[in-house]
Amino acid sequence: MFRISKEFHFSASHQLAHLPADHQCARLHGHNYIVVVELAGADLNSDGFVRDYHELKPLKSYIDDHFDHRHLNDLLNVPSTAENLAKHFYDWCKSRWDEVSMVKVSETPKTWAEYRP
């Protein structure tokens, strides 16, 4: 199996108000998010790619236009956790590229969530 990944960045705020008041994520705060999308395939196309990285540019535009410097609570119909963001970006990507196998969302260099079916 061949696998490729591409990384995207955005900054956004969120608040997980359903948590106890003394939980740090219950307060309004922000992160510099990193989104990694992975595509996989058993075979390569005629150019020798799983998919040309250039074809992933729409994800950058989507993130820049809809998520960068926004308040995530206003954008999602579920709690704005890294887990839910990973699933959201996975679904968005999967609707465009069949080869998508995983999306990882990092809130900090030491914390991340992955979604893979």
C-alpha atoms as a PDB file:
ATOM      1  CA  MET A   1       0.000   0.000   0.000  1.00  0.00           C
ATOM      2  CA  PHE A   2       1.291   3.442  -0.940  1.00  0.00           C
ATOM      3  CA  ARG A   3       0.547   6.344   1.426  1.00  0.00           C
ATOM      4  CA  ILE A   4       1.025  10.077   1.017  1.00  0.00           C
ATOM      5  CA  SER A   5       0.283  12.897   3.455  1.00  0.00           C
ATOM      6  CA  LYS A   6      -0.040  16.640   3.257  1.00  0.00           C
ATOM      7  CA  GLU A   7      -0.147  19.105   6.136  1.00  0.00           C
ATOM      8  CA  PHE A   8      -2.297  22.227   6.462  1.00  0.00           C
ATOM      9  CA  HIS A   9      -2.334  24.924   9.174  1.00  0.00           C
ATOM     10  CA  PHE A  10      -4.926  27.262  10.624  1.00  0.00           C
ATOM     11  CA  SER A  11      -5.567  29.220  13.804  1.00  0.00           C
ATOM     12  CA  ALA A  12      -8.943  29.276  15.503  1.00  0.00           C
ATOM     13  CA  SER A  13     -10.680  29.647  18.836  1.00  0.00           C
ATOM     14  CA  HIS A  14     -13.121  27.343  20.536  1.00  0.00           C
ATOM     15  CA  GLN A  15     -14.749  26.630  23.859  1.00  0.00           C
ATOM     16  CA  LEU A  16     -16.053  23.337  25.192  1.00  0.00           C
ATOM     17  CA  ALA A  17     -18.773  24.745  27.416  1.00  0.00           C
ATOM     18  CA  HIS A  18     -20.183  21.321  28.335  1.00  0.00           C
ATOM     19  CA  LEU A  19     -17.080  20.623  30.468  1.00  0.00           C
ATOM     20  CA  PRO A  20     -16.785  21.500  34.168  1.00  0.00           C
ATOM     21  CA  ALA A  21     -16.031  25.197  34.731  1.00  0.00           C
ATOM     22  CA  ASP A  22     -12.585  24.431  36.150  1.00  0.00           C
ATOM     23  CA  HIS A  23     -11.518  22.509  33.012  1.00  0.00           C
ATOM     24  CA  GLN A  24      -9.137  24.605  30.895  1.00  0.00           C
ATOM     25  CA  CYS A  25     -11.038  23.778  27.697  1.00  0.00           C
ATOM     26  CA  ALA A  26     -14.262  25.161  29.186  1.00  0.00           C
ATOM     27  CA  ARG A  27     -12.790  28.645  28.797  1.00  0.00           C
ATOM     28  CA  LEU A  28     -12.560  30.446  25.478  1.00  0.00           C
ATOM     29  CA  HIS A  29      -9.110  29.749  24.023  1.00  0.00           C
ATOM     30  CA  GLY A  30      -7.365  29.139  20.726  1.00  0.00           C
ATOM     31  CA  HIS A  31      -4.982  26.791  18.989  1.00  0.00           C
ATOM     32  CA  ASN A  32      -2.685  26.773  16.007  1.00  0.00           C
ATOM     33  CA  TYR A  33      -4.141  23.669  14.407  1.00  0.00           C
ATOM     34  CA  ILE A  34      -2.347  21.293  12.087  1.00  0.00           C
ATOM     35  CA  VAL A  35      -4.423  19.103   9.783  1.00  0.00           C
ATOM     36  CA  VAL A  36      -2.750  16.141   8.109  1.00  0.00           C
ATOM     37  CA  VAL A  37      -4.617  14.341   5.367  1.00  0.00           C
ATOM     38  CA  GLU A  38      -3.411  10.905   4.286  1.00  0.00           C
ATOM     39  CA  LEU A  39      -4.272   9.197   1.023  1.00  0.00           C
ATOM     40  CA  ALA A  40      -3.567   5.555   0.295  1.00  0.00           C
ATOM     41  CA  GLY A  41      -3.707   3.269  -2.687  1.00  0.00           C
ATOM     42  CA  ALA A  42      -2.509  -0.156  -3.703  1.00  0.00           C
ATOM     43  CA  ASP A  43      -1.614   1.165  -7.136  1.00  0.00           C
ATOM     44  CA  LEU A  44      -0.145   4.363  -8.524  1.00  0.00           C
ATOM     45  CA  ASN A  45      -1.660   6.379 -11.357  1.00  0.00           C
ATOM     46  CA  SER A  46       0.068   6.737 -14.720  1.00  0.00           C
ATOM     47  CA  ASP A  47       2.146   9.646 -13.346  1.00  0.00           C
ATOM     48  CA  GLY A  48       3.453   7.475 -10.493  1.00  0.00           C
ATOM     49  CA  PHE A  49       1.319   9.122  -7.784  1.00  0.00           C
ATOM     50  CA  VAL A  50      -1.335   7.988  -5.348  1.00  0.00           C
ATOM     51  CA  ARG A  51      -2.637  11.478  -6.149  1.00  0.00           C
ATOM     52  CA  ASP A  52      -0.741  14.611  -7.138  1.00  0.00           C
ATOM     53  CA  TYR A  53      -0.248  16.801  -4.048  1.00  0.00           C
ATOM     54  CA  HIS A  54      -1.320  19.785  -6.143  1.00  0.00           C
ATOM     55  CA  GLU A  55      -4.806  18.280  -6.365  1.00  0.00           C
ATOM     56  CA  LEU A  56      -5.196  18.757  -2.590  1.00  0.00           C
ATOM     57  CA  LYS A  57      -5.134  22.539  -2.945  1.00  0.00           C
ATOM     58  CA  PRO A  58      -8.945  22.775  -2.519  1.00  0.00           C
ATOM     59  CA  LEU A  59      -8.522  21.605   1.075  1.00  0.00           C
ATOM     60  CA  LYS A  60      -6.164  24.508   1.756  1.00  0.00           C
ATOM     61  CA  SER A  61      -8.709  26.909   0.271  1.00  0.00           C
ATOM     62  CA  TYR A  62     -11.530  25.347   2.305  1.00  0.00           C
ATOM     63  CA  ILE A  63      -9.547  25.631   5.546  1.00  0.00           C
ATOM     64  CA  ASP A  64      -8.376  29.179   4.802  1.00  0.00           C
ATOM     65  CA  ASP A  65     -11.829  30.395   3.764  1.00  0.00           C
ATOM     66  CA  HIS A  66     -13.939  28.676   6.437  1.00  0.00           C
ATOM     67  CA  PHE A  67     -11.778  27.874   9.477  1.00  0.00           C
ATOM     68  CA  ASP A  68      -8.731  30.130   9.721  1.00  0.00           C
ATOM     69  CA  HIS A  69      -9.121  32.804  12.405  1.00  0.00           C
ATOM     70  CA  ARG A  70     -12.682  31.749  13.152  1.00  0.00           C
ATOM     71  CA  HIS A  71     -14.541  30.561  16.248  1.00  0.00           C
ATOM     72  CA  LEU A  72     -15.077  26.840  15.735  1.00  0.00           C
ATOM     73  CA  ASN A  73     -18.213  26.725  17.886  1.00  0.00           C
ATOM     74  CA  ASP A  74     -19.914  28.818  15.200  1.00  0.00           C
ATOM     75  CA  LEU A  75     -18.922  26.379  12.436  1.00  0.00           C
ATOM     76  CA  LEU A  76     -19.664  22.886  13.705  1.00  0.00           C
ATOM     77  CA  ASN A  77     -22.921  21.249  14.806  1.00  0.00           C
ATOM     78  CA  VAL A  78     -20.984  19.091  17.283  1.00  0.00           C
ATOM     79  CA  PRO A  79     -18.536  19.999  20.074  1.00  0.00           C
ATOM     80  CA  SER A  80     -15.423  21.567  18.541  1.00  0.00           C
ATOM     81  CA  THR A  81     -13.028  18.834  19.678  1.00  0.00           C
ATOM     82  CA  ALA A  82     -10.027  17.655  17.692  1.00  0.00           C
ATOM     83  CA  GLU A  83     -11.849  14.347  17.209  1.00  0.00           C
ATOM     84  CA  ASN A  84     -14.875  16.026  15.626  1.00  0.00           C
ATOM     85  CA  LEU A  85     -12.660  18.249  13.484  1.00  0.00           C
ATOM     86  CA  ALA A  86     -10.781  15.194  12.208  1.00  0.00           C
ATOM     87  CA  LYS A  87     -14.068  13.515  11.249  1.00  0.00           C
ATOM     88  CA  HIS A  88     -15.349  16.718   9.627  1.00  0.00           C
ATOM     89  CA  PHE A  89     -12.225  17.134   7.475  1.00  0.00           C
ATOM     90  CA  TYR A  90     -12.187  13.416   6.655  1.00  0.00           C
ATOM     91  CA  ASP A  91     -15.776  13.566   5.375  1.00  0.00           C
ATOM     92  CA  TRP A  92     -15.034  16.717   3.362  1.00  0.00           C
ATOM     93  CA  CYS A  93     -11.967  15.112   1.780  1.00  0.00           C
ATOM     94  CA  LYS A  94     -13.587  11.715   1.196  1.00  0.00           C
ATOM     95  CA  SER A  95     -16.373  13.356  -0.795  1.00  0.00           C
ATOM     96  CA  ARG A  96     -13.670  14.600  -3.209  1.00  0.00           C
ATOM     97  CA  TRP A  97     -10.923  11.979  -3.151  1.00  0.00           C
ATOM     98  CA  ASP A  98     -11.624   8.265  -2.771  1.00  0.00           C
ATOM     99  CA  GLU A  99      -8.044   7.602  -1.657  1.00  0.00           C
ATOM    100  CA  VAL A 100      -8.411   9.472   1.656  1.00  0.00           C
ATOM    101  CA  SER A 101      -7.592   7.031   4.439  1.00  0.00           C
ATOM    102  CA  MET A 102      -7.031   9.218   7.509  1.00  0.00           C
ATOM    103  CA  VAL A 103      -7.159  12.765   8.824  1.00  0.00           C
ATOM    104  CA  LYS A 104      -5.206  13.891  11.886  1.00  0.00           C
ATOM    105  CA  VAL A 105      -5.849  17.159  13.700  1.00  0.00           C
ATOM    106  CA  SER A 106      -3.274  18.492  16.168  1.00  0.00           C
ATOM    107  CA  GLU A 107      -4.166  21.171  18.682  1.00  0.00           C
ATOM    108  CA  THR A 108      -0.656  21.339  20.115  1.00  0.00           C
ATOM    109  CA  PRO A 109       2.646  19.641  19.264  1.00  0.00           C
ATOM    110  CA  LYS A 110       1.819  17.013  21.900  1.00  0.00           C
ATOM    111  CA  THR A 111      -1.914  16.443  21.336  1.00  0.00           C
ATOM    112  CA  TRP A 112      -3.816  15.180  18.324  1.00  0.00           C
ATOM    113  CA  ALA A 113      -6.781  13.127  17.218  1.00  0.00           C
ATOM    114  CA  GLU A 114      -7.119  10.932  14.156  1.00  0.00           C
ATOM    115  CA  TYR A 115     -10.125   9.750  12.227  1.00  0.00           C
ATOM    116  CA  ARG A 116      -9.856   6.708  10.003  1.00  0.00           C
ATOM    117  CA  PRO A 117     -12.788   4.431   9.225  1.00  0.00           C
END
